[in-house]
Amino acid sequence: MSSSEGQPRPATPTTEMTVSTGDRYHVEGDPKDVERIIVDAARGSIMQLAWLIDAETRDDLAVNPESVVVLRAAGS
């Protein structure tokens, strides 16, 4: 057993993101950081996606910045 096993993970801020379809996603990062990623993608090349990390599965999540309608701080 390693020394880190059984220890809780440090709290990571998460943001709830709602897209135009009404689907909601919880992504890693505080709302201002997530907003910056989305704005940067929107200002990038045509059809550039915003790459985020799903807070529940830790999988990569690519989002069309034009589809994001709401960002809200969520619990960690």
Protein backbone atom coordinates (compact mmCIF):
# COMPACT_ATOMS: atom_id res chain seq x y z
CA MET A 1 0.00 0.00 0.00
CA SER A 2 1.44 3.39 -0.95
CA SER A 3 1.52 6.32 1.45
CA SER A 4 -0.92 8.27 -0.75
CA GLU A 5 -3.48 5.46 -0.88
CA GLY A 6 -6.55 6.12 1.22
CA GLN A 7 -5.82 9.83 1.53
CA PRO A 8 -8.44 12.21 0.16
CA ARG A 9 -7.59 14.08 -3.02
CA PRO A 10 -7.09 17.83 -2.66
CA ALA A 11 -10.22 19.82 -3.43
CA THR A 12 -10.27 21.07 -7.00
CA PRO A 13 -12.62 23.92 -7.87
CA THR A 14 -15.28 22.91 -10.38
CA THR A 15 -17.59 24.84 -12.67
CA GLU A 16 -21.02 23.83 -13.90
CA MET A 17 -21.31 24.63 -17.59
CA THR A 18 -24.67 24.68 -19.39
CA VAL A 19 -24.74 24.50 -23.18
CA SER A 20 -27.45 25.57 -25.62
CA THR A 21 -29.04 22.09 -25.66
CA GLY A 22 -29.65 22.36 -21.92
CA ASP A 23 -27.02 19.71 -21.10
CA ARG A 24 -24.90 20.47 -18.04
CA TYR A 25 -21.32 19.47 -17.45
CA HIS A 26 -19.10 19.79 -14.41
CA VAL A 27 -15.58 20.71 -15.43
CA GLU A 28 -12.38 21.27 -13.49
CA GLY A 29 -11.39 24.86 -12.75
CA ASP A 30 -12.99 27.92 -11.26
CA PRO A 31 -15.46 29.87 -13.44
CA LYS A 32 -12.98 32.61 -14.38
CA ASP A 33 -10.40 30.07 -15.58
CA VAL A 34 -13.04 28.13 -17.53
CA GLU A 35 -14.33 31.39 -19.03
CA ARG A 36 -10.79 32.28 -20.18
CA ILE A 37 -10.41 28.91 -21.94
CA ILE A 38 -13.77 29.36 -23.69
CA VAL A 39 -13.07 32.97 -24.72
CA ASP A 40 -9.60 32.04 -26.02
CA ALA A 41 -11.12 29.26 -28.14
CA ALA A 42 -13.79 31.63 -29.48
CA ARG A 43 -11.10 34.10 -30.53
CA GLY A 44 -9.00 31.38 -32.13
CA SER A 45 -9.33 29.85 -35.56
CA ILE A 46 -12.67 28.92 -37.07
CA MET A 47 -14.23 25.97 -35.23
CA GLN A 48 -11.58 25.89 -32.51
CA LEU A 49 -12.93 23.95 -29.53
CA ALA A 50 -12.44 24.72 -25.86
CA TRP A 51 -10.70 21.77 -24.22
CA LEU A 52 -11.68 21.13 -20.58
CA ILE A 53 -11.55 18.22 -18.13
CA ASP A 54 -14.76 16.57 -16.96
CA ALA A 55 -14.68 16.80 -13.15
CA GLU A 56 -16.52 13.51 -12.67
CA THR A 57 -14.74 11.21 -15.12
CA ARG A 58 -11.47 13.16 -15.61
CA ASP A 59 -11.92 12.67 -19.38
CA ASP A 60 -11.09 15.40 -21.90
CA LEU A 61 -14.14 17.38 -22.97
CA ALA A 62 -14.15 19.49 -26.14
CA VAL A 63 -16.84 22.18 -26.32
CA ASN A 64 -17.87 24.52 -29.10
CA PRO A 65 -17.47 27.93 -27.40
CA GLU A 66 -20.54 29.28 -29.19
CA SER A 67 -22.76 26.70 -27.45
CA VAL A 68 -21.89 27.71 -23.87
CA VAL A 69 -24.69 29.72 -22.28
CA VAL A 70 -24.06 29.57 -18.51
CA LEU A 71 -21.08 29.09 -16.20
CA ARG A 72 -21.61 28.68 -12.47
CA ALA A 73 -19.31 27.77 -9.59
CA ALA A 74 -20.04 24.25 -8.38
CA GLY A 75 -19.00 22.38 -5.26
CA SER A 76 -15.67 20.59 -5.29
